[in-house]
């Protein structure tokens, strides 16, 4: 069996490229190419997973910041209501003590 393979590429202008290579070199090249493609695919999957996780985390941080802002507004409102009630209580105590 012949151990040499000839890869021939012919152009439209009559130019011909010949690539003689052994089956062993072709198998090595195919194996390295397959490993490279698999590595790139796995790396891409992990990158997409990381991007998705980061995007979700960023979205959650934004939501939590909005919740914090609402909570702080409610805290200020309740603080002012408490101050009003304490003032009203003090005024009522003064009014009852005068009677």
PDB file of N, CA and C in Angstrom:
ATOM      1  N   UNK A   1       0.846  -1.174   0.000  1.00  0.00           N
ATOM      2  CA  UNK A   1       0.000   0.000   0.000  1.00  0.00           C
ATOM      3  C   UNK A   1       0.893   1.239   0.000  1.00  0.00           C
ATOM      4  N   UNK A   2       0.507   2.221  -0.779  1.00  0.00           N
ATOM      5  CA  UNK A   2       1.292   3.449  -0.881  1.00  0.00           C
ATOM      6  C   UNK A   2       1.100   4.276   0.387  1.00  0.00           C
ATOM      7  N   UNK A   3       2.219   4.751   0.956  1.00  0.00           N
ATOM      8  CA  UNK A   3       2.161   5.521   2.196  1.00  0.00           C
ATOM      9  C   UNK A   3       2.074   7.024   1.945  1.00  0.00           C
ATOM     10  N   UNK A   4       2.170   7.435   0.704  1.00  0.00           N
ATOM     11  CA  UNK A   4       2.126   8.853   0.380  1.00  0.00           C
ATOM     12  C   UNK A   4       0.745   9.242  -0.151  1.00  0.00           C
ATOM     13  N   UNK A   5       0.268  10.382   0.307  1.00  0.00           N
ATOM     14  CA  UNK A   5      -0.965  10.965  -0.235  1.00  0.00           C
ATOM     15  C   UNK A   5      -0.586  12.267  -0.916  1.00  0.00           C
ATOM     16  N   UNK A   6      -1.231  12.554  -2.027  1.00  0.00           N
ATOM     17  CA  UNK A   6      -0.968  13.787  -2.754  1.00  0.00           C
ATOM     18  C   UNK A   6      -2.244  14.622  -2.750  1.00  0.00           C
ATOM     19  N   UNK A   7      -2.157  15.776  -2.161  1.00  0.00           N
ATOM     20  CA  UNK A   7      -3.293  16.697  -2.149  1.00  0.00           C
ATOM     21  C   UNK A   7      -3.026  17.697  -3.263  1.00  0.00           C
ATOM     22  N   UNK A   8      -3.921  17.755  -4.238  1.00  0.00           N
ATOM     23  CA  UNK A   8      -3.736  18.609  -5.403  1.00  0.00           C
ATOM     24  C   UNK A   8      -4.844  19.654  -5.420  1.00  0.00           C
ATOM     25  N   UNK A   9      -4.455  20.929  -5.512  1.00  0.00           N
ATOM     26  CA  UNK A   9      -5.397  22.041  -5.588  1.00  0.00           C
ATOM     27  C   UNK A   9      -5.117  22.762  -6.898  1.00  0.00           C
ATOM     28  N   UNK A  10      -6.119  22.814  -7.754  1.00  0.00           N
ATOM     29  CA  UNK A  10      -5.969  23.460  -9.058  1.00  0.00           C
ATOM     30  C   UNK A  10      -6.754  24.758  -9.065  1.00  0.00           C
ATOM     31  N   UNK A  11      -6.127  25.820  -9.547  1.00  0.00           N
ATOM     32  CA  UNK A  11      -6.785  27.115  -9.630  1.00  0.00           C
ATOM     33  C   UNK A  11      -7.412  27.323 -10.994  1.00  0.00           C
ATOM     34  N   UNK A  12      -8.198  28.382 -11.148  1.00  0.00           N
ATOM     35  CA  UNK A  12      -8.851  28.701 -12.420  1.00  0.00           C
ATOM     36  C   UNK A  12      -7.844  29.105 -13.488  1.00  0.00           C
ATOM     37  N   UNK A  13      -6.737  29.657 -13.082  1.00  0.00           N
ATOM     38  CA  UNK A  13      -5.748  30.158 -14.035  1.00  0.00           C
ATOM     39  C   UNK A  13      -4.734  29.088 -14.429  1.00  0.00           C
ATOM     40  N   UNK A  14      -4.980  27.868 -14.041  1.00  0.00           N
ATOM     41  CA  UNK A  14      -4.104  26.780 -14.433  1.00  0.00           C
ATOM     42  C   UNK A  14      -2.986  26.505 -13.454  1.00  0.00           C
ATOM     43  N   UNK A  15      -2.955  27.259 -12.369  1.00  0.00           N
ATOM     44  CA  UNK A  15      -1.918  27.045 -11.372  1.00  0.00           C
ATOM     45  C   UNK A  15      -2.305  25.845 -10.504  1.00  0.00           C
ATOM     46  N   UNK A  16      -1.371  24.942 -10.310  1.00  0.00           N
ATOM     47  CA  UNK A  16      -1.651  23.722  -9.569  1.00  0.00           C
ATOM     48  C   UNK A  16      -0.710  23.662  -8.363  1.00  0.00           C
ATOM     49  N   UNK A  17      -1.297  23.382  -7.199  1.00  0.00           N
ATOM     50  CA  UNK A  17      -0.506  23.204  -5.978  1.00  0.00           C
ATOM     51  C   UNK A  17      -0.574  21.735  -5.593  1.00  0.00           C
ATOM     52  N   UNK A  18       0.593  21.171  -5.340  1.00  0.00           N
ATOM     53  CA  UNK A  18       0.648  19.760  -4.937  1.00  0.00           C
ATOM     54  C   UNK A  18       1.246  19.689  -3.540  1.00  0.00           C
ATOM     55  N   UNK A  19       0.589  18.934  -2.671  1.00  0.00           N
ATOM     56  CA  UNK A  19       1.073  18.742  -1.310  1.00  0.00           C
ATOM     57  C   UNK A  19       1.223  17.248  -1.048  1.00  0.00           C
ATOM     58  N   UNK A  20       2.397  16.721  -1.243  1.00  0.00           N
ATOM     59  CA  UNK A  20       2.583  15.310  -0.897  1.00  0.00           C
ATOM     60  C   UNK A  20       2.805  15.182   0.603  1.00  0.00           C
ATOM     61  N   UNK A  21       2.138  14.232   1.215  1.00  0.00           N
ATOM     62  CA  UNK A  21       2.355  13.998   2.645  1.00  0.00           C
ATOM     63  C   UNK A  21       2.077  12.538   2.953  1.00  0.00           C
ATOM     64  N   UNK A  22       2.712  12.086   4.004  1.00  0.00           N
ATOM     65  CA  UNK A  22       2.514  10.687   4.386  1.00  0.00           C
ATOM     66  C   UNK A  22       1.225  10.555   5.190  1.00  0.00           C
ATOM     67  N   UNK A  23       0.724   9.340   5.239  1.00  0.00           N
ATOM     68  CA  UNK A  23      -0.491   9.093   6.011  1.00  0.00           C
ATOM     69  C   UNK A  23      -0.264   9.374   7.489  1.00  0.00           C
ATOM     70  N   UNK A  24       0.919   9.067   7.975  1.00  0.00           N
ATOM     71  CA  UNK A  24       1.230   9.295   9.381  1.00  0.00           C
ATOM     72  C   UNK A  24       1.163  10.791   9.719  1.00  0.00           C
ATOM     73  N   UNK A  25       1.766  11.625   8.859  1.00  0.00           N
ATOM     74  CA  UNK A  25       1.724  13.074   9.088  1.00  0.00           C
ATOM     75  C   UNK A  25       0.293  13.595   8.993  1.00  0.00           C
ATOM     76  N   UNK A  26      -0.480  13.046   8.070  1.00  0.00           N
ATOM     77  CA  UNK A  26      -1.870  13.470   7.921  1.00  0.00           C
ATOM     78  C   UNK A  26      -2.685  13.099   9.155  1.00  0.00           C
ATOM     79  N   UNK A  27      -2.460  11.893   9.705  1.00  0.00           N
ATOM     80  CA  UNK A  27      -3.150  11.494  10.933  1.00  0.00           C
ATOM     81  C   UNK A  27      -2.756  12.384  12.102  1.00  0.00           C
ATOM     82  N   UNK A  28      -1.470  12.704  12.208  1.00  0.00           N
ATOM     83  CA  UNK A  28      -0.999  13.591  13.289  1.00  0.00           C
ATOM     84  C   UNK A  28      -1.649  14.961  13.141  1.00  0.00           C
ATOM     85  N   UNK A  29      -1.661  15.482  11.924  1.00  0.00           N
ATOM     86  CA  UNK A  29      -2.277  16.794  11.688  1.00  0.00           C
ATOM     87  C   UNK A  29      -3.768  16.768  12.023  1.00  0.00           C
ATOM     88  N   UNK A  30      -4.466  15.712  11.606  1.00  0.00           N
ATOM     89  CA  UNK A  30      -5.898  15.592  11.897  1.00  0.00           C
ATOM     90  C   UNK A  30      -6.139  15.473  13.400  1.00  0.00           C
ATOM     91  N   UNK A  31      -5.289  14.712  14.099  1.00  0.00           N
ATOM     92  CA  UNK A  31      -5.441  14.567  15.554  1.00  0.00           C
ATOM     93  C   UNK A  31      -5.223  15.889  16.267  1.00  0.00           C
ATOM     94  N   UNK A  32      -4.170  16.603  15.883  1.00  0.00           N
ATOM     95  CA  UNK A  32      -3.890  17.910  16.506  1.00  0.00           C
ATOM     96  C   UNK A  32      -5.021  18.889  16.201  1.00  0.00           C
ATOM     97  N   UNK A  33      -5.528  18.859  14.978  1.00  0.00           N
ATOM     98  CA  UNK A  33      -6.648  19.738  14.618  1.00  0.00           C
ATOM     99  C   UNK A  33      -7.887  19.410  15.432  1.00  0.00           C
ATOM    100  N   UNK A  34      -8.181  18.125  15.598  1.00  0.00           N
ATOM    101  CA  UNK A  34      -9.355  17.715  16.376  1.00  0.00           C
ATOM    102  C   UNK A  34      -9.212  18.128  17.835  1.00  0.00           C
ATOM    103  N   UNK A  35      -8.022  17.921  18.399  1.00  0.00           N
ATOM    104  CA  UNK A  35      -7.782  18.327  19.795  1.00  0.00           C
ATOM    105  C   UNK A  35      -7.936  19.829  19.946  1.00  0.00           C
ATOM    106  N   UNK A  36      -7.417  20.583  18.977  1.00  0.00           N
ATOM    107  CA  UNK A  36      -7.534  22.046  19.028  1.00  0.00           C
ATOM    108  C   UNK A  36      -8.996  22.479  18.956  1.00  0.00           C
ATOM    109  N   UNK A  37      -9.764  21.875  18.059  1.00  0.00           N
ATOM    110  CA  UNK A  37     -11.181  22.232  17.929  1.00  0.00           C
ATOM    111  C   UNK A  37     -11.939  21.884  19.207  1.00  0.00           C
ATOM    112  N   UNK A  38     -11.657  20.724  19.785  1.00  0.00           N
ATOM    113  CA  UNK A  38     -12.314  20.331  21.038  1.00  0.00           C
ATOM    114  C   UNK A  38     -11.943  21.286  22.157  1.00  0.00           C
ATOM    115  N   UNK A  39     -10.662  21.643  22.246  1.00  0.00           N
ATOM    116  CA  UNK A  39     -10.215  22.589  23.282  1.00  0.00           C
ATOM    117  C   UNK A  39     -10.918  23.930  23.124  1.00  0.00           C
ATOM    118  N   UNK A  40     -10.995  24.423  21.885  1.00  0.00           N
ATOM    119  CA  UNK A  40     -11.667  25.704  21.653  1.00  0.00           C
ATOM    120  C   UNK A  40     -13.159  25.628  21.971  1.00  0.00           C
ATOM    121  N   UNK A  41     -13.784  24.509  21.662  1.00  0.00           N
ATOM    122  CA  UNK A  41     -15.213  24.346  21.969  1.00  0.00           C
ATOM    123  C   UNK A  41     -15.453  24.339  23.470  1.00  0.00           C
ATOM    124  N   UNK A  42     -14.623  23.588  24.205  1.00  0.00           N
ATOM    125  CA  UNK A  42     -14.767  23.530  25.668  1.00  0.00           C
ATOM    126  C   UNK A  42     -14.508  24.906  26.280  1.00  0.00           C
ATOM    127  N   UNK A  43     -13.476  25.586  25.798  1.00  0.00           N
ATOM    128  CA  UNK A  43     -13.168  26.926  26.296  1.00  0.00           C
ATOM    129  C   UNK A  43     -14.322  27.880  26.017  1.00  0.00           C
ATOM    130  N   UNK A  44     -14.926  27.767  24.849  1.00  0.00           N
ATOM    131  CA  UNK A  44     -16.064  28.627  24.508  1.00  0.00           C
ATOM    132  C   UNK A  44     -17.256  28.361  25.422  1.00  0.00           C
ATOM    133  N   UNK A  45     -17.513  27.101  25.711  1.00  0.00           N
ATOM    134  CA  UNK A  45     -18.631  26.763  26.602  1.00  0.00           C
ATOM    135  C   UNK A  45     -18.394  27.358  27.982  1.00  0.00           C
ATOM    136  N   UNK A  46     -17.183  27.208  28.510  1.00  0.00           N
ATOM    137  CA  UNK A  46     -16.888  27.772  29.820  1.00  0.00           C
ATOM    138  C   UNK A  46     -16.957  29.294  29.806  1.00  0.00           C
ATOM    139  N   UNK A  47     -16.513  29.914  28.717  1.00  0.00           N
ATOM    140  CA  UNK A  47     -16.580  31.372  28.610  1.00  0.00           C
ATOM    141  C   UNK A  47     -18.025  31.851  28.589  1.00  0.00           C
ATOM    142  N   UNK A  48     -18.872  31.170  27.818  1.00  0.00           N
ATOM    143  CA  UNK A  48     -20.290  31.540  27.766  1.00  0.00           C
ATOM    144  C   UNK A  48     -20.961  31.338  29.118  1.00  0.00           C
ATOM    145  N   UNK A  49     -20.591  30.271  29.803  1.00  0.00           N
ATOM    146  CA  UNK A  49     -21.143  30.017  31.132  1.00  0.00           C
ATOM    147  C   UNK A  49     -20.728  31.116  32.099  1.00  0.00           C
ATOM    148  N   UNK A  50     -19.473  31.502  32.046  1.00  0.00           N
ATOM    149  CA  UNK A  50     -18.974  32.567  32.918  1.00  0.00           C
ATOM    150  C   UNK A  50     -19.664  33.890  32.600  1.00  0.00           C
ATOM    151  N   UNK A  51     -19.841  34.184  31.310  1.00  0.00           N
ATOM    152  CA  UNK A  51     -20.518  35.415  30.913  1.00  0.00           C
ATOM    153  C   UNK A  51     -21.955  35.424  31.416  1.00  0.00           C
ATOM    154  N   UNK A  52     -22.629  34.289  31.284  1.00  0.00           N
ATOM    155  CA  UNK A  52     -24.015  34.185  31.735  1.00  0.00           C
ATOM    156  C   UNK A  52     -24.115  34.405  33.243  1.00  0.00           C
ATOM    157  N   UNK A  53     -23.213  33.777  33.983  1.00  0.00           N
ATOM    158  CA  UNK A  53     -23.209  33.940  35.437  1.00  0.00           C
ATOM    159  C   UNK A  53     -22.953  35.388  35.818  1.00  0.00           C
ATOM    160  N   UNK A  54     -21.995  36.019  35.150  1.00  0.00           N
ATOM    161  CA  UNK A  54     -21.680  37.414  35.443  1.00  0.00           C
ATOM    162  C   UNK A  54     -22.855  38.317  35.098  1.00  0.00           C
ATOM    163  N   UNK A  55     -23.516  38.036  33.988  1.00  0.00           N
ATOM    164  CA  UNK A  55     -24.669  38.837  33.584  1.00  0.00           C
ATOM    165  C   UNK A  55     -25.793  38.716  34.608  1.00  0.00           C
ATOM    166  N   UNK A  56     -26.050  37.492  35.062  1.00  0.00           N
ATOM    167  CA  UNK A  56     -27.084  37.282  36.070  1.00  0.00           C
ATOM    168  C   UNK A  56     -26.731  37.963  37.381  1.00  0.00           C
ATOM    169  N   UNK A  57     -25.469  37.892  37.764  1.00  0.00           N
ATOM    170  CA  UNK A  57     -25.028  38.543  38.997  1.00  0.00           C
ATOM    171  C   UNK A  57     -25.179  40.056  38.890  1.00  0.00           C
ATOM    172  N   UNK A  58     -24.822  40.590  37.742  1.00  0.00           N
ATOM    173  CA  UNK A  58     -24.954  42.031  37.527  1.00  0.00           C
ATOM    174  C   UNK A  58     -26.417  42.453  37.600  1.00  0.00           C
ATOM    175  N   UNK A  59     -27.278  41.652  37.015  1.00  0.00           N
ATOM    176  CA  UNK A  59     -28.710  41.938  37.047  1.00  0.00           C
ATOM    177  C   UNK A  59     -29.237  41.896  38.478  1.00  0.00           C
ATOM    178  N   UNK A  60     -28.772  40.932  39.250  1.00  0.00           N
ATOM    179  CA  UNK A  60     -29.209  40.806  40.638  1.00  0.00           C
ATOM    180  C   UNK A  60     -28.702  41.978  41.479  1.00  0.00           C
ATOM    181  N   UNK A  61     -27.469  42.415  41.229  1.00  0.00           N
ATOM    182  CA  UNK A  61     -26.923  43.565  41.963  1.00  0.00           C
ATOM    183  C   UNK A  61     -27.757  44.806  41.671  1.00  0.00           C
ATOM    184  N   UNK A  62     -28.143  44.989  40.419  1.00  0.00           N
ATOM    185  CA  UNK A  62     -28.984  46.144  40.059  1.00  0.00           C
ATOM    186  C   UNK A  62     -30.322  46.077  40.789  1.00  0.00           C
ATOM    187  N   UNK A  63     -30.915  44.890  40.819  1.00  0.00           N
ATOM    188  CA  UNK A  63     -32.207  44.718  41.505  1.00  0.00           C
ATOM    189  C   UNK A  63     -32.064  44.993  43.004  1.00  0.00           C
ATOM    190  N   UNK A  64     -30.981  44.512  43.601  1.00  0.00           N
ATOM    191  CA  UNK A  64     -30.771  44.723  45.038  1.00  0.00           C
ATOM    192  C   UNK A  64     -30.512  46.201  45.355  1.00  0.00           C
ATOM    193  N   UNK A  65     -29.831  46.895  44.464  1.00  0.00           N
ATOM    194  CA  UNK A  65     -29.612  48.342  44.673  1.00  0.00           C
ATOM    195  C   UNK A  65     -30.931  49.095  44.644  1.00  0.00           C
ATOM    196  N   UNK A  66     -31.826  48.703  43.728  1.00  0.00           N
ATOM    197  CA  UNK A  66     -33.142  49.340  43.673  1.00  0.00           C
ATOM    198  C   UNK A  66     -33.933  49.051  44.952  1.00  0.00           C
ATOM    199  N   UNK A  67     -33.846  47.812  45.442  1.00  0.00           N
ATOM    200  CA  UNK A  67     -34.526  47.468  46.697  1.00  0.00           C
ATOM    201  C   UNK A  67     -33.964  48.281  47.854  1.00  0.00           C
ATOM    202  N   UNK A  68     -32.642  48.442  47.887  1.00  0.00           N
ATOM    203  CA  UNK A  68     -32.007  49.213  48.954  1.00  0.00           C
ATOM    204  C   UNK A  68     -32.470  50.660  48.913  1.00  0.00           C
ATOM    205  N   UNK A  69     -32.562  51.218  47.718  1.00  0.00           N
ATOM    206  CA  UNK A  69     -33.019  52.602  47.578  1.00  0.00           C
ATOM    207  C   UNK A  69     -34.448  52.754  48.099  1.00  0.00           C
ATOM    208  N   UNK A  70     -35.333  51.800  47.739  1.00  0.00           N
ATOM    209  CA  UNK A  70     -36.717  51.845  48.232  1.00  0.00           C
ATOM    210  C   UNK A  70     -36.750  51.712  49.751  1.00  0.00           C
ATOM    211  N   UNK A  71     -35.949  50.816  50.298  1.00  0.00           N
ATOM    212  CA  UNK A  71     -35.919  50.605  51.750  1.00  0.00           C
ATOM    213  C   UNK A  71     -35.443  51.858  52.467  1.00  0.00           C
ATOM    214  N   UNK A  72     -34.445  52.516  51.902  1.00  0.00           N
ATOM    215  CA  UNK A  72     -33.945  53.749  52.527  1.00  0.00           C
ATOM    216  C   UNK A  72     -35.000  54.845  52.483  1.00  0.00           C
ATOM    217  N   UNK A  73     -35.742  54.934  51.370  1.00  0.00           N
ATOM    218  CA  UNK A  73     -36.824  55.925  51.285  1.00  0.00           C
ATOM    219  C   UNK A  73     -37.900  55.628  52.323  1.00  0.00           C
ATOM    220  N   UNK A  74     -38.276  54.340  52.454  1.00  0.00           N
ATOM    221  CA  UNK A  74     -39.278  53.959  53.455  1.00  0.00           C
ATOM    222  C   UNK A  74     -38.769  54.249  54.865  1.00  0.00           C
ATOM    223  N   UNK A  75     -37.499  54.017  55.117  1.00  0.00           N
ATOM    224  CA  UNK A  75     -36.920  54.288  56.435  1.00  0.00           C
ATOM    225  C   UNK A  75     -36.996  55.781  56.759  1.00  0.00           C
ATOM    226  N   UNK A  76     -36.694  56.626  55.764  1.00  0.00           N
ATOM    227  CA  UNK A  76     -36.792  58.078  55.983  1.00  0.00           C
ATOM    228  C   UNK A  76     -38.232  58.495  56.268  1.00  0.00           C
ATOM    229  N   UNK A  77     -39.178  57.939  55.484  1.00  0.00           N
ATOM    230  CA  UNK A  77     -40.591  58.271  55.696  1.00  0.00           C
ATOM    231  C   UNK A  77     -41.049  57.844  57.088  1.00  0.00           C
ATOM    232  N   UNK A  78     -40.691  56.622  57.488  1.00  0.00           N
ATOM    233  CA  UNK A  78     -41.084  56.136  58.810  1.00  0.00           C
ATOM    234  C   UNK A  78     -40.406  56.948  59.917  1.00  0.00           C
ATOM    235  N   UNK A  79     -39.164  57.350  59.679  1.00  0.00           N
ATOM    236  CA  UNK A  79     -38.467  58.189  60.668  1.00  0.00           C
ATOM    237  C   UNK A  79     -39.162  59.522  60.869  1.00  0.00           C
ATOM    238  N   UNK A  80     -39.603  60.124  59.751  1.00  0.00           N
ATOM    239  CA  UNK A  80     -40.306  61.408  59.882  1.00  0.00           C
ATOM    240  C   UNK A  80     -41.667  61.217  60.551  1.00  0.00           C
ATOM    241  N   UNK A  81     -42.363  60.105  60.266  1.00  0.00           N
ATOM    242  CA  UNK A  81     -43.638  59.832  60.924  1.00  0.00           C
ATOM    243  C   UNK A  81     -43.439  59.619  62.429  1.00  0.00           C
ATOM    244  N   UNK A  82     -42.388  58.906  62.789  1.00  0.00           N
ATOM    245  CA  UNK A  82     -42.095  58.678  64.207  1.00  0.00           C
ATOM    246  C   UNK A  82     -41.808  60.002  64.897  1.00  0.00           C
ATOM    247  N   UNK A  83     -41.040  60.869  64.228  1.00  0.00           N
ATOM    248  CA  UNK A  83     -40.738  62.179  64.808  1.00  0.00           C
ATOM    249  C   UNK A  83     -42.025  62.983  65.004  1.00  0.00           C
ATOM    250  N   UNK A  84     -42.927  62.939  64.009  1.00  0.00           N
ATOM    251  CA  UNK A  84     -44.197  63.647  64.139  1.00  0.00           C
ATOM    252  C   UNK A  84     -45.021  63.093  65.303  1.00  0.00           C
ATOM    253  N   UNK A  85     -45.081  61.749  65.410  1.00  0.00           N
ATOM    254  CA  UNK A  85     -45.849  61.133  66.489  1.00  0.00           C
ATOM    255  C   UNK A  85     -45.254  61.473  67.859  1.00  0.00           C
ATOM    256  N   UNK A  86     -43.938  61.484  67.973  1.00  0.00           N
ATOM    257  CA  UNK A  86     -43.314  61.848  69.254  1.00  0.00           C
ATOM    258  C   UNK A  86     -43.593  63.301  69.604  1.00  0.00           C
ATOM    259  N   UNK A  87     -43.566  64.157  68.577  1.00  0.00           N
ATOM    260  CA  UNK A  87     -43.866  65.570  68.809  1.00  0.00           C
ATOM    261  C   UNK A  87     -45.323  65.727  69.253  1.00  0.00           C
ATOM    262  N   UNK A  88     -46.218  64.998  68.571  1.00  0.00           N
ATOM    263  CA  UNK A  88     -47.642  65.046  68.917  1.00  0.00           C
ATOM    264  C   UNK A  88     -47.850  64.510  70.336  1.00  0.00           C
ATOM    265  N   UNK A  89     -47.138  63.435  70.675  1.00  0.00           N
ATOM    266  CA  UNK A  89     -47.250  62.858  72.019  1.00  0.00           C
ATOM    267  C   UNK A  89     -46.796  63.863  73.078  1.00  0.00           C
ATOM    268  N   UNK A  90     -45.679  64.522  72.794  1.00  0.00           N
ATOM    269  CA  UNK A  90     -45.172  65.523  73.737  1.00  0.00           C
ATOM    270  C   UNK A  90     -46.170  66.664  73.902  1.00  0.00           C
ATOM    271  N   UNK A  91     -46.756  67.111  72.797  1.00  0.00           N
ATOM    272  CA  UNK A  91     -47.736  68.196  72.858  1.00  0.00           C
ATOM    273  C   UNK A  91     -48.964  67.771  73.667  1.00  0.00           C
ATOM    274  N   UNK A  92     -49.410  66.505  73.480  1.00  0.00           N
ATOM    275  CA  UNK A  92     -50.559  66.004  74.226  1.00  0.00           C
ATOM    276  C   UNK A  92     -50.229  65.887  75.711  1.00  0.00           C
ATOM    277  N   UNK A  93     -49.019  65.451  76.035  1.00  0.00           N
ATOM    278  CA  UNK A  93     -48.625  65.361  77.444  1.00  0.00           C
ATOM    279  C   UNK A  93     -48.622  66.734  78.093  1.00  0.00           C
ATOM    280  N   UNK A  94     -48.132  67.716  77.367  1.00  0.00           N
ATOM    281  CA  UNK A  94     -48.109  69.099  77.883  1.00  0.00           C
ATOM    282  C   UNK A  94     -49.539  69.604  78.062  1.00  0.00           C
ATOM    283  N   UNK A  95     -50.409  69.310  77.095  1.00  0.00           N
ATOM    284  CA  UNK A  95     -51.789  69.759  77.161  1.00  0.00           C
ATOM    285  C   UNK A  95     -52.512  69.086  78.343  1.00  0.00           C
ATOM    286  N   UNK A  96     -52.280  67.779  78.563  1.00  0.00           N
ATOM    287  CA  UNK A  96     -52.923  67.087  79.665  1.00  0.00           C
ATOM    288  C   UNK A  96     -52.370  67.540  81.016  1.00  0.00           C
ATOM    289  N   UNK A  97     -51.115  67.871  81.046  1.00  0.00           N
ATOM    290  CA  UNK A  97     -50.548  68.307  82.335  1.00  0.00           C
ATOM    291  C   UNK A  97     -51.048  69.704  82.706  1.00  0.00           C
ATOM    292  N   UNK A  98     -51.438  70.526  81.745  1.00  0.00           N
ATOM    293  CA  UNK A  98     -51.967  71.856  82.022  1.00  0.00           C
ATOM    294  C   UNK A  98     -53.398  71.769  82.530  1.00  0.00           C
ATOM    295  N   UNK A  99     -54.103  70.719  82.195  1.00  0.00           N
ATOM    296  CA  UNK A  99     -55.496  70.600  82.605  1.00  0.00           C
ATOM    297  C   UNK A  99     -55.588  70.211  83.990  1.00  0.00           C
TER     298      UNK A  99
END
